[in-house]
Amino acid sequence: MKNEYEIIRHTKLKHIHAFVNSITYRNFHMHSDFELLLVLQGRGRIKVKNDIFAVKEKDALLINPNEIHEIEAGEDSMKLIIIQFSRHFCKDYYPYLRNTVFKTRCMKECFSDSDYPKLLKLLTDFTDAYIRTDTFFAFPCVSLLLRILALCFQNMEYVIMEENEYREHKRKKDRMNRISSYIDENYLYPIRLKDIAVAENLSVTHVSHFFTDNFGVTFQEYLNSKRLEHALQLAEDKRLSLSAISEMSGFSDPKYLNKAFFNRFSYPFREYGNPAHTTLQKEPMAAPGAHQQIFSAKESLALIAAFVKNT
């Protein structure tokens, strides 16, 4: 993974992006869009800042812009619909979306019994239309996304920040972006919390609290997670020794790699890929270090159709 701060490109429709994905493990990351996730198959956990959500088939989650999150499958992999849309979507008609923060949680818990099935249908219909890209597909996509948002506002808790509060919120998120970018660029080398404090002109104590409060983990946990993801990429090359993998992924010693891996996944690093361990099995990778696979249009439509048939 090249950047911890994910850049979302709206290539088909302005402000909107969607795809069907298979994820085994996706490290801590954030982006400037809202993100809707629907589990089509499998189960796992999604950590959003300090909250951990156990999810399974038919569970949907909404994540706010710039909320750091991590995704891990419980067995094999999770197949997910992922819909991302800009804060500026429909700004001419509802400009307050830019300042809206939803209370992130599994949507099934807050939607009414009558509205949740409607949400699932809208999510699958939207993604189906987006992927098919038929003539005039923009019309159903925009219409369906507006209906999804209407249901979210009707069923979920949210706050609309005042402008001064929004500006302060943005300053905090900008700092998070700078910190995550610094770690992205330097995690292969020895870096310390003090280095970030100097760059931000803050005390080490201040940065430590800022990190835990806003990233949901300590600086060292975040750094280890970043290095672990790189180590897992390197582990695909059977020619590399454990010492080489640890050095090339930023760990100063193999024992630190082993400790970080065991603390995270509860089994030794040398057993990674062993069929006895269903957590974190190897998947075809869409990008270096990202244990995920974006499905083709044909595969995506088949997965959506199968989900709809069983819903």
C-alpha atoms as a PDB file:
ATOM      1  CA  MET A   1       0.000   0.000   0.000  1.00  0.00           C
ATOM      2  CA  LYS A   2       1.579   3.230  -1.142  1.00  0.00           C
ATOM      3  CA  ASN A   3      -0.460   5.748   0.838  1.00  0.00           C
ATOM      4  CA  GLU A   4      -2.157   5.457   4.189  1.00  0.00           C
ATOM      5  CA  TYR A   5      -4.386   8.340   3.144  1.00  0.00           C
ATOM      6  CA  GLU A   6      -6.371   6.755   0.324  1.00  0.00           C
ATOM      7  CA  ILE A   7      -7.070   8.932  -2.701  1.00  0.00           C
ATOM      8  CA  ILE A   8     -10.466   8.073  -4.181  1.00  0.00           C
ATOM      9  CA  ARG A   9     -10.880   8.756  -7.884  1.00  0.00           C
ATOM     10  CA  HIS A  10     -14.401   9.302  -9.143  1.00  0.00           C
ATOM     11  CA  THR A  11     -13.756   8.062 -12.663  1.00  0.00           C
ATOM     12  CA  LYS A  12     -17.296   7.172 -13.767  1.00  0.00           C
ATOM     13  CA  LEU A  13     -19.408   9.730 -11.941  1.00  0.00           C
ATOM     14  CA  LYS A  14     -18.430  12.952 -10.231  1.00  0.00           C
ATOM     15  CA  HIS A  15     -18.428  12.524  -6.424  1.00  0.00           C
ATOM     16  CA  ILE A  16     -19.296   8.768  -6.614  1.00  0.00           C
ATOM     17  CA  HIS A  17     -17.281   5.527  -6.702  1.00  0.00           C
ATOM     18  CA  ALA A  18     -18.335   1.903  -6.086  1.00  0.00           C
ATOM     19  CA  PHE A  19     -16.923  -1.614  -6.435  1.00  0.00           C
ATOM     20  CA  VAL A  20     -17.167  -5.165  -5.089  1.00  0.00           C
ATOM     21  CA  ASN A  21     -14.148  -6.300  -3.121  1.00  0.00           C
ATOM     22  CA  SER A  22     -12.763  -9.385  -1.390  1.00  0.00           C
ATOM     23  CA  ILE A  23     -10.805  -8.399   1.711  1.00  0.00           C
ATOM     24  CA  THR A  24      -8.693 -10.555   3.962  1.00  0.00           C
ATOM     25  CA  TYR A  25      -6.953  -7.674   5.693  1.00  0.00           C
ATOM     26  CA  ARG A  26      -6.953  -3.944   5.011  1.00  0.00           C
ATOM     27  CA  ASN A  27      -4.653  -1.939   7.245  1.00  0.00           C
ATOM     28  CA  PHE A  28      -5.570   1.328   9.000  1.00  0.00           C
ATOM     29  CA  HIS A  29      -6.527   3.899   6.368  1.00  0.00           C
ATOM     30  CA  MET A  30      -8.780   6.887   5.824  1.00  0.00           C
ATOM     31  CA  HIS A  31     -10.089   9.024   2.987  1.00  0.00           C
ATOM     32  CA  SER A  32     -12.119  12.157   2.437  1.00  0.00           C
ATOM     33  CA  ASP A  33     -15.308  10.394   1.260  1.00  0.00           C
ATOM     34  CA  PHE A  34     -18.216   8.840   3.091  1.00  0.00           C
ATOM     35  CA  GLU A  35     -18.041   5.063   2.770  1.00  0.00           C
ATOM     36  CA  LEU A  36     -20.888   2.541   2.821  1.00  0.00           C
ATOM     37  CA  LEU A  37     -19.951  -1.124   3.222  1.00  0.00           C
ATOM     38  CA  LEU A  38     -22.291  -4.098   2.773  1.00  0.00           C
ATOM     39  CA  VAL A  39     -21.112  -7.651   3.532  1.00  0.00           C
ATOM     40  CA  LEU A  40     -22.190  -9.976   0.721  1.00  0.00           C
ATOM     41  CA  GLN A  41     -20.382 -13.059   2.032  1.00  0.00           C
ATOM     42  CA  GLY A  42     -18.267 -13.983   5.043  1.00  0.00           C
ATOM     43  CA  ARG A  43     -17.729 -12.384   8.399  1.00  0.00           C
ATOM     44  CA  GLY A  44     -15.087 -10.363  10.183  1.00  0.00           C
ATOM     45  CA  ARG A  45     -14.397  -7.209  12.105  1.00  0.00           C
ATOM     46  CA  ILE A  46     -14.219  -3.552  11.156  1.00  0.00           C
ATOM     47  CA  LYS A  47     -12.464  -1.173  13.510  1.00  0.00           C
ATOM     48  CA  VAL A  48     -13.436   2.485  13.210  1.00  0.00           C
ATOM     49  CA  LYS A  49     -11.300   4.641  15.464  1.00  0.00           C
ATOM     50  CA  ASN A  50     -11.951   3.215  18.966  1.00  0.00           C
ATOM     51  CA  ASP A  51     -14.971   1.068  18.047  1.00  0.00           C
ATOM     52  CA  ILE A  52     -14.873  -2.530  16.820  1.00  0.00           C
ATOM     53  CA  PHE A  53     -17.830  -3.950  14.883  1.00  0.00           C
ATOM     54  CA  ALA A  54     -18.300  -7.670  14.308  1.00  0.00           C
ATOM     55  CA  VAL A  55     -19.960  -7.983  10.898  1.00  0.00           C
ATOM     56  CA  LYS A  56     -21.433 -10.792   8.831  1.00  0.00           C
ATOM     57  CA  GLU A  57     -23.517 -11.287   5.690  1.00  0.00           C
ATOM     58  CA  LYS A  58     -26.234  -8.605   5.236  1.00  0.00           C
ATOM     59  CA  ASP A  59     -24.549  -6.213   7.685  1.00  0.00           C
ATOM     60  CA  ALA A  60     -24.000  -2.653   6.458  1.00  0.00           C
ATOM     61  CA  LEU A  61     -21.809   0.076   7.952  1.00  0.00           C
ATOM     62  CA  LEU A  62     -21.430   3.793   7.229  1.00  0.00           C
ATOM     63  CA  ILE A  63     -18.040   5.434   7.844  1.00  0.00           C
ATOM     64  CA  ASN A  64     -17.627   9.211   7.908  1.00  0.00           C
ATOM     65  CA  PRO A  65     -14.959  11.077   5.925  1.00  0.00           C
ATOM     66  CA  ASN A  66     -11.472  10.956   7.481  1.00  0.00           C
ATOM     67  CA  GLU A  67     -12.409   8.317  10.062  1.00  0.00           C
ATOM     68  CA  ILE A  68      -9.510   5.903  10.286  1.00  0.00           C
ATOM     69  CA  HIS A  69     -10.618   2.297   9.882  1.00  0.00           C
ATOM     70  CA  GLU A  70      -9.268  -1.229   9.535  1.00  0.00           C
ATOM     71  CA  ILE A  71     -10.932  -4.312   8.024  1.00  0.00           C
ATOM     72  CA  GLU A  72     -10.107  -7.935   8.829  1.00  0.00           C
ATOM     73  CA  ALA A  73     -11.919 -11.093   7.718  1.00  0.00           C
ATOM     74  CA  GLY A  74     -12.638 -13.703  10.364  1.00  0.00           C
ATOM     75  CA  GLU A  75     -12.457 -16.694   8.000  1.00  0.00           C
ATOM     76  CA  ASP A  76     -10.905 -16.739   4.530  1.00  0.00           C
ATOM     77  CA  SER A  77     -12.166 -13.383   3.197  1.00  0.00           C
ATOM     78  CA  MET A  78     -15.166 -11.085   3.188  1.00  0.00           C
ATOM     79  CA  LYS A  79     -16.923 -10.119  -0.029  1.00  0.00           C
ATOM     80  CA  LEU A  80     -18.104  -6.521   0.251  1.00  0.00           C
ATOM     81  CA  ILE A  81     -19.934  -3.876  -1.682  1.00  0.00           C
ATOM     82  CA  ILE A  82     -18.088  -0.593  -1.095  1.00  0.00           C
ATOM     83  CA  ILE A  83     -19.746   2.688  -2.070  1.00  0.00           C
ATOM     84  CA  GLN A  84     -17.787   5.924  -1.630  1.00  0.00           C
ATOM     85  CA  PHE A  85     -19.213   9.383  -2.146  1.00  0.00           C
ATOM     86  CA  SER A  86     -17.917  12.890  -1.613  1.00  0.00           C
ATOM     87  CA  ARG A  87     -19.089  15.260   1.101  1.00  0.00           C
ATOM     88  CA  HIS A  88     -19.938  17.600  -1.771  1.00  0.00           C
ATOM     89  CA  PHE A  89     -22.358  15.197  -3.425  1.00  0.00           C
ATOM     90  CA  CYS A  90     -25.696  17.025  -3.852  1.00  0.00           C
ATOM     91  CA  LYS A  91     -24.171  20.243  -2.426  1.00  0.00           C
ATOM     92  CA  ASP A  92     -26.578  22.392  -4.454  1.00  0.00           C
ATOM     93  CA  TYR A  93     -29.560  20.721  -2.823  1.00  0.00           C
ATOM     94  CA  TYR A  94     -28.302  19.773   0.649  1.00  0.00           C
ATOM     95  CA  PRO A  95     -25.064  21.651   1.416  1.00  0.00           C
ATOM     96  CA  TYR A  96     -25.164  20.485   5.062  1.00  0.00           C
ATOM     97  CA  LEU A  97     -23.895  17.043   4.016  1.00  0.00           C
ATOM     98  CA  ARG A  98     -20.390  18.544   4.098  1.00  0.00           C
ATOM     99  CA  ASN A  99     -20.772  19.251   7.824  1.00  0.00           C
ATOM    100  CA  THR A 100     -22.649  16.049   8.720  1.00  0.00           C
ATOM    101  CA  VAL A 101     -21.181  13.403  11.013  1.00  0.00           C
ATOM    102  CA  PHE A 102     -23.157  10.167  11.429  1.00  0.00           C
ATOM    103  CA  LYS A 103     -22.789   8.020  14.498  1.00  0.00           C
ATOM    104  CA  THR A 104     -20.889   5.086  13.020  1.00  0.00           C
ATOM    105  CA  ARG A 105     -22.337   1.693  13.816  1.00  0.00           C
ATOM    106  CA  CYS A 106     -23.874  -1.323  12.128  1.00  0.00           C
ATOM    107  CA  MET A 107     -26.866   0.114  10.328  1.00  0.00           C
ATOM    108  CA  LYS A 108     -29.087  -2.866  11.114  1.00  0.00           C
ATOM    109  CA  GLU A 109     -29.010  -1.780  14.766  1.00  0.00           C
ATOM    110  CA  CYS A 110     -30.475   1.659  14.084  1.00  0.00           C
ATOM    111  CA  PHE A 111     -32.684   1.151  11.029  1.00  0.00           C
ATOM    112  CA  SER A 112     -36.340   0.226  11.466  1.00  0.00           C
ATOM    113  CA  ASP A 113     -37.402  -3.303  10.526  1.00  0.00           C
ATOM    114  CA  SER A 114     -39.193  -1.929   7.482  1.00  0.00           C
ATOM    115  CA  ASP A 115     -36.395   0.380   6.302  1.00  0.00           C
ATOM    116  CA  TYR A 116     -33.421  -1.987   6.584  1.00  0.00           C
ATOM    117  CA  PRO A 117     -34.579  -4.314   3.758  1.00  0.00           C
ATOM    118  CA  LYS A 118     -35.148  -1.175   1.666  1.00  0.00           C
ATOM    119  CA  LEU A 119     -31.554  -0.109   2.374  1.00  0.00           C
ATOM    120  CA  LEU A 120     -30.135  -3.470   1.285  1.00  0.00           C
ATOM    121  CA  LYS A 121     -32.103  -3.322  -1.969  1.00  0.00           C
ATOM    122  CA  LEU A 122     -31.007   0.244  -2.670  1.00  0.00           C
ATOM    123  CA  LEU A 123     -27.341  -0.620  -2.014  1.00  0.00           C
ATOM    124  CA  THR A 124     -27.416  -3.622  -4.359  1.00  0.00           C
ATOM    125  CA  ASP A 125     -29.479  -1.819  -7.028  1.00  0.00           C
ATOM    126  CA  PHE A 126     -27.091   1.145  -6.922  1.00  0.00           C
ATOM    127  CA  THR A 127     -23.952  -0.990  -7.244  1.00  0.00           C
ATOM    128  CA  ASP A 128     -25.501  -3.101  -9.996  1.00  0.00           C
ATOM    129  CA  ALA A 129     -26.386   0.036 -12.006  1.00  0.00           C
ATOM    130  CA  TYR A 130     -22.961   1.607 -11.367  1.00  0.00           C
ATOM    131  CA  ILE A 131     -21.062  -1.488 -12.506  1.00  0.00           C
ATOM    132  CA  ARG A 132     -23.230  -2.161 -15.566  1.00  0.00           C
ATOM    133  CA  THR A 133     -22.708   1.413 -16.795  1.00  0.00           C
ATOM    134  CA  ASP A 134     -25.653   1.234 -19.169  1.00  0.00           C
ATOM    135  CA  THR A 135     -26.679   4.266 -21.207  1.00  0.00           C
ATOM    136  CA  PHE A 136     -27.952   6.983 -18.849  1.00  0.00           C
ATOM    137  CA  PHE A 137     -26.733   4.957 -15.816  1.00  0.00           C
ATOM    138  CA  ALA A 138     -25.995   8.240 -14.032  1.00  0.00           C
ATOM    139  CA  PHE A 139     -29.690   8.890 -13.506  1.00  0.00           C
ATOM    140  CA  PRO A 140     -30.495   5.732 -11.496  1.00  0.00           C
ATOM    141  CA  CYS A 141     -27.178   5.976  -9.630  1.00  0.00           C
ATOM    142  CA  VAL A 142     -27.777   9.535  -8.435  1.00  0.00           C
ATOM    143  CA  SER A 143     -31.423   8.795  -7.653  1.00  0.00           C
ATOM    144  CA  LEU A 144     -30.611   5.629  -5.692  1.00  0.00           C
ATOM    145  CA  LEU A 145     -27.799   7.267  -3.709  1.00  0.00           C
ATOM    146  CA  LEU A 146     -30.113  10.134  -2.736  1.00  0.00           C
ATOM    147  CA  ARG A 147     -32.677   7.612  -1.503  1.00  0.00           C
ATOM    148  CA  ILE A 148     -29.946   5.812   0.482  1.00  0.00           C
ATOM    149  CA  LEU A 149     -28.957   9.104   2.107  1.00  0.00           C
ATOM    150  CA  ALA A 150     -32.579   9.929   2.896  1.00  0.00           C
ATOM    151  CA  LEU A 151     -32.925   6.613   4.748  1.00  0.00           C
ATOM    152  CA  CYS A 152     -29.676   7.275   6.627  1.00  0.00           C
ATOM    153  CA  PHE A 153     -30.885  10.671   7.841  1.00  0.00           C
ATOM    154  CA  GLN A 154     -34.246   9.181   8.830  1.00  0.00           C
ATOM    155  CA  ASN A 155     -32.810   6.266  10.816  1.00  0.00           C
ATOM    156  CA  MET A 156     -29.325   7.194  12.067  1.00  0.00           C
ATOM    157  CA  GLU A 157     -28.106   9.583  14.721  1.00  0.00           C
ATOM    158  CA  TYR A 158     -26.108  12.476  13.293  1.00  0.00           C
ATOM    159  CA  VAL A 159     -24.882  15.971  14.028  1.00  0.00           C
ATOM    160  CA  ILE A 160     -24.437  18.898  11.665  1.00  0.00           C
ATOM    161  CA  MET A 161     -21.400  20.880  12.750  1.00  0.00           C
ATOM    162  CA  GLU A 162     -21.437  24.653  12.910  1.00  0.00           C
ATOM    163  CA  GLU A 163     -19.014  26.323  10.524  1.00  0.00           C
ATOM    164  CA  ASN A 164     -16.421  27.155  13.198  1.00  0.00           C
ATOM    165  CA  GLU A 165     -16.670  23.589  14.526  1.00  0.00           C
ATOM    166  CA  TYR A 166     -16.254  22.264  10.992  1.00  0.00           C
ATOM    167  CA  ARG A 167     -13.109  24.353  10.477  1.00  0.00           C
ATOM    168  CA  GLU A 168     -11.618  23.018  13.722  1.00  0.00           C
ATOM    169  CA  HIS A 169     -12.596  19.485  12.692  1.00  0.00           C
ATOM    170  CA  LYS A 170     -10.856  20.014   9.347  1.00  0.00           C
ATOM    171  CA  ARG A 171      -7.676  21.308  11.031  1.00  0.00           C
ATOM    172  CA  LYS A 172      -7.572  18.154  13.152  1.00  0.00           C
ATOM    173  CA  LYS A 173      -8.095  15.920  10.120  1.00  0.00           C
ATOM    174  CA  ASP A 174      -5.394  17.798   8.207  1.00  0.00           C
ATOM    175  CA  ARG A 175      -2.986  17.035  11.055  1.00  0.00           C
ATOM    176  CA  MET A 176      -3.979  13.359  10.912  1.00  0.00           C
ATOM    177  CA  ASN A 177      -3.293  13.365   7.168  1.00  0.00           C
ATOM    178  CA  ARG A 178       0.166  14.897   7.686  1.00  0.00           C
ATOM    179  CA  ILE A 179       1.027  12.382  10.400  1.00  0.00           C
ATOM    180  CA  SER A 180      -0.165   9.364   8.413  1.00  0.00           C
ATOM    181  CA  SER A 181       1.694  10.609   5.320  1.00  0.00           C
ATOM    182  CA  TYR A 182       4.890  11.022   7.360  1.00  0.00           C
ATOM    183  CA  ILE A 183       4.603   7.436   8.618  1.00  0.00           C
ATOM    184  CA  ASP A 184       3.861   6.172   5.087  1.00  0.00           C
ATOM    185  CA  GLU A 185       7.038   7.755   3.820  1.00  0.00           C
ATOM    186  CA  ASN A 186       9.285   6.668   6.707  1.00  0.00           C
ATOM    187  CA  TYR A 187       7.980   3.435   8.279  1.00  0.00           C
ATOM    188  CA  LEU A 188      10.795   1.382   6.717  1.00  0.00           C
ATOM    189  CA  TYR A 189      13.295   3.413   8.751  1.00  0.00           C
ATOM    190  CA  PRO A 190      13.701   3.996  12.499  1.00  0.00           C
ATOM    191  CA  ILE A 191      11.144   6.684  13.403  1.00  0.00           C
ATOM    192  CA  ARG A 192       9.977   7.921  16.778  1.00  0.00           C
ATOM    193  CA  LEU A 193       7.009   9.783  18.125  1.00  0.00           C
ATOM    194  CA  LYS A 194       9.448  12.613  18.869  1.00  0.00           C
ATOM    195  CA  ASP A 195      10.061  13.011  15.123  1.00  0.00           C
ATOM    196  CA  ILE A 196       6.344  13.660  14.555  1.00  0.00           C
ATOM    197  CA  ALA A 197       6.194  16.028  17.520  1.00  0.00           C
ATOM    198  CA  VAL A 198       9.038  18.095  16.071  1.00  0.00           C
ATOM    199  CA  ALA A 199       7.387  18.167  12.632  1.00  0.00           C
ATOM    200  CA  GLU A 200       4.082  19.341  14.162  1.00  0.00           C
ATOM    201  CA  ASN A 201       5.779  21.723  16.630  1.00  0.00           C
ATOM    202  CA  LEU A 202       4.083  20.000  19.579  1.00  0.00           C
ATOM    203  CA  SER A 203       5.211  18.178  22.703  1.00  0.00           C
ATOM    204  CA  VAL A 204       5.620  14.410  22.618  1.00  0.00           C
ATOM    205  CA  THR A 205       2.890  14.090  25.263  1.00  0.00           C
ATOM    206  CA  HIS A 206       0.462  16.146  23.188  1.00  0.00           C
ATOM    207  CA  VAL A 207       1.128  14.088  20.047  1.00  0.00           C
ATOM    208  CA  SER A 208       0.814  10.832  21.996  1.00  0.00           C
ATOM    209  CA  HIS A 209      -2.652  11.799  23.272  1.00  0.00           C
ATOM    210  CA  PHE A 210      -3.651  13.168  19.860  1.00  0.00           C
ATOM    211  CA  PHE A 211      -2.639   9.894  18.233  1.00  0.00           C
ATOM    212  CA  THR A 212      -4.576   7.678  20.633  1.00  0.00           C
ATOM    213  CA  ASP A 213      -7.658   9.924  20.636  1.00  0.00           C
ATOM    214  CA  ASN A 214      -7.889  10.281  16.861  1.00  0.00           C
ATOM    215  CA  PHE A 215      -6.318   7.129  15.403  1.00  0.00           C
ATOM    216  CA  GLY A 216      -7.763   4.799  18.025  1.00  0.00           C
ATOM    217  CA  VAL A 217      -4.399   3.100  18.628  1.00  0.00           C
ATOM    218  CA  THR A 218      -1.019   4.123  19.984  1.00  0.00           C
ATOM    219  CA  PHE A 219       1.717   5.397  17.682  1.00  0.00           C
ATOM    220  CA  GLN A 220       3.669   2.141  18.102  1.00  0.00           C
ATOM    221  CA  GLU A 221       0.621  -0.024  17.350  1.00  0.00           C
ATOM    222  CA  TYR A 222      -0.084   1.979  14.210  1.00  0.00           C
ATOM    223  CA  LEU A 223       3.550   1.815  13.093  1.00  0.00           C
ATOM    224  CA  ASN A 224       3.755  -1.938  13.748  1.00  0.00           C
ATOM    225  CA  SER A 225       0.560  -2.507  11.789  1.00  0.00           C
ATOM    226  CA  LYS A 226       1.976  -0.608   8.835  1.00  0.00           C
ATOM    227  CA  ARG A 227       5.213  -2.617   8.966  1.00  0.00           C
ATOM    228  CA  LEU A 228       3.298  -5.881   9.370  1.00  0.00           C
ATOM    229  CA  GLU A 229       1.340  -5.288   6.206  1.00  0.00           C
ATOM    230  CA  HIS A 230       4.598  -4.782   4.316  1.00  0.00           C
ATOM    231  CA  ALA A 231       6.042  -7.935   5.917  1.00  0.00           C
ATOM    232  CA  LEU A 232       3.042  -9.956   4.717  1.00  0.00           C
ATOM    233  CA  GLN A 233       3.649  -8.738   1.195  1.00  0.00           C
ATOM    234  CA  LEU A 234       7.299  -9.795   1.419  1.00  0.00           C
ATOM    235  CA  ALA A 235       6.323 -13.190   2.879  1.00  0.00           C
ATOM    236  CA  GLU A 236       4.913 -14.132  -0.543  1.00  0.00           C
ATOM    237  CA  ASP A 237       8.538 -14.451  -1.706  1.00  0.00           C
ATOM    238  CA  LYS A 238       9.715 -17.780  -0.271  1.00  0.00           C
ATOM    239  CA  ARG A 239      13.333 -16.920  -1.083  1.00  0.00           C
ATOM    240  CA  LEU A 240      13.433 -14.327   1.704  1.00  0.00           C
ATOM    241  CA  SER A 241      14.530 -15.293   5.207  1.00  0.00           C
ATOM    242  CA  LEU A 242      12.749 -14.075   8.321  1.00  0.00           C
ATOM    243  CA  SER A 243      15.696 -11.773   9.038  1.00  0.00           C
ATOM    244  CA  ALA A 244      15.476 -10.275   5.552  1.00  0.00           C
ATOM    245  CA  ILE A 245      11.708  -9.765   5.814  1.00  0.00           C
ATOM    246  CA  SER A 246      11.993  -8.076   9.201  1.00  0.00           C
ATOM    247  CA  GLU A 247      14.776  -5.754   8.018  1.00  0.00           C
ATOM    248  CA  MET A 248      13.031  -4.890   4.737  1.00  0.00           C
ATOM    249  CA  SER A 249       9.720  -4.108   6.479  1.00  0.00           C
ATOM    250  CA  GLY A 250      11.194  -1.776   9.093  1.00  0.00           C
ATOM    251  CA  PHE A 251      11.517  -4.105  12.099  1.00  0.00           C
ATOM    252  CA  SER A 252      14.941  -3.850  13.711  1.00  0.00           C
ATOM    253  CA  ASP A 253      14.988  -7.533  14.692  1.00  0.00           C
ATOM    254  CA  PRO A 254      13.017 -10.704  13.734  1.00  0.00           C
ATOM    255  CA  LYS A 255      11.825 -11.076  17.321  1.00  0.00           C
ATOM    256  CA  TYR A 256       9.986  -7.740  17.068  1.00  0.00           C
ATOM    257  CA  LEU A 257       8.305  -8.875  13.855  1.00  0.00           C
ATOM    258  CA  ASN A 258       7.291 -12.149  15.524  1.00  0.00           C
ATOM    259  CA  LYS A 259       5.973 -10.346  18.587  1.00  0.00           C
ATOM    260  CA  ALA A 260       3.987  -7.801  16.576  1.00  0.00           C
ATOM    261  CA  PHE A 261       2.482 -10.515  14.375  1.00  0.00           C
ATOM    262  CA  PHE A 262       1.542 -12.753  17.306  1.00  0.00           C
ATOM    263  CA  ASN A 263      -0.003  -9.840  19.223  1.00  0.00           C
ATOM    264  CA  ARG A 264      -2.085  -8.982  16.165  1.00  0.00           C
ATOM    265  CA  PHE A 265      -3.113 -12.413  14.842  1.00  0.00           C
ATOM    266  CA  SER A 266      -2.472 -14.837  17.767  1.00  0.00           C
ATOM    267  CA  TYR A 267      -0.221 -17.273  15.948  1.00  0.00           C
ATOM    268  CA  PRO A 268       3.481 -17.223  14.928  1.00  0.00           C
ATOM    269  CA  PHE A 269       4.590 -15.416  11.780  1.00  0.00           C
ATOM    270  CA  ARG A 270       6.273 -18.577  10.442  1.00  0.00           C
ATOM    271  CA  GLU A 271       2.814 -20.207  10.249  1.00  0.00           C
ATOM    272  CA  TYR A 272       1.375 -17.469   8.024  1.00  0.00           C
ATOM    273  CA  GLY A 273      -0.396 -19.178   5.110  1.00  0.00           C
ATOM    274  CA  ASN A 274      -0.871 -22.460   7.007  1.00  0.00           C
ATOM    275  CA  PRO A 275      -4.405 -23.748   6.200  1.00  0.00           C
ATOM    276  CA  ALA A 276      -4.888 -24.471   9.911  1.00  0.00           C
ATOM    277  CA  HIS A 277      -5.211 -20.713  10.460  1.00  0.00           C
ATOM    278  CA  THR A 278      -8.357 -19.305   8.862  1.00  0.00           C
ATOM    279  CA  THR A 279      -7.534 -15.753   9.908  1.00  0.00           C
ATOM    280  CA  LEU A 280      -5.418 -13.801   7.418  1.00  0.00           C
ATOM    281  CA  GLN A 281      -5.165 -16.352   4.616  1.00  0.00           C
ATOM    282  CA  LYS A 282      -3.330 -15.186   1.532  1.00  0.00           C
ATOM    283  CA  GLU A 283      -5.452 -13.593  -1.208  1.00  0.00           C
ATOM    284  CA  PRO A 284      -4.682 -12.285  -4.692  1.00  0.00           C
ATOM    285  CA  MET A 285      -3.612  -8.709  -4.056  1.00  0.00           C
ATOM    286  CA  ALA A 286      -4.993  -5.698  -5.875  1.00  0.00           C
ATOM    287  CA  ALA A 287      -2.038  -3.562  -4.800  1.00  0.00           C
ATOM    288  CA  PRO A 288       1.244  -4.143  -2.949  1.00  0.00           C
ATOM    289  CA  GLY A 289       0.584  -4.782   0.719  1.00  0.00           C
ATOM    290  CA  ALA A 290      -3.204  -4.730   0.398  1.00  0.00           C
ATOM    291  CA  HIS A 291      -4.721  -8.174   1.087  1.00  0.00           C
ATOM    292  CA  GLN A 292      -7.727  -7.583  -1.090  1.00  0.00           C
ATOM    293  CA  GLN A 293      -9.041  -8.255  -4.567  1.00  0.00           C
ATOM    294  CA  ILE A 294     -11.342  -6.012  -6.590  1.00  0.00           C
ATOM    295  CA  PHE A 295     -13.648  -8.184  -8.679  1.00  0.00           C
ATOM    296  CA  SER A 296     -14.264  -7.777 -12.390  1.00  0.00           C
ATOM    297  CA  ALA A 297     -17.630  -6.424 -13.538  1.00  0.00           C
ATOM    298  CA  LYS A 298     -18.841  -9.932 -14.422  1.00  0.00           C
ATOM    299  CA  GLU A 299     -17.765 -11.382 -11.067  1.00  0.00           C
ATOM    300  CA  SER A 300     -19.225  -8.419  -9.174  1.00  0.00           C
ATOM    301  CA  LEU A 301     -22.623  -8.714 -10.844  1.00  0.00           C
ATOM    302  CA  ALA A 302     -22.706 -12.463 -10.144  1.00  0.00           C
ATOM    303  CA  LEU A 303     -21.954 -11.892  -6.443  1.00  0.00           C
ATOM    304  CA  ILE A 304     -24.651  -9.212  -6.211  1.00  0.00           C
ATOM    305  CA  ALA A 305     -27.188 -11.465  -7.949  1.00  0.00           C
ATOM    306  CA  ALA A 306     -26.408 -14.339  -5.580  1.00  0.00           C
ATOM    307  CA  PHE A 307     -26.776 -12.041  -2.573  1.00  0.00           C
ATOM    308  CA  VAL A 308     -30.120 -10.671  -3.806  1.00  0.00           C
ATOM    309  CA  LYS A 309     -31.421 -14.192  -4.439  1.00  0.00           C
ATOM    310  CA  ASN A 310     -30.656 -15.182  -0.822  1.00  0.00           C
ATOM    311  CA  THR A 311     -31.952 -11.958   0.754  1.00  0.00           C
END
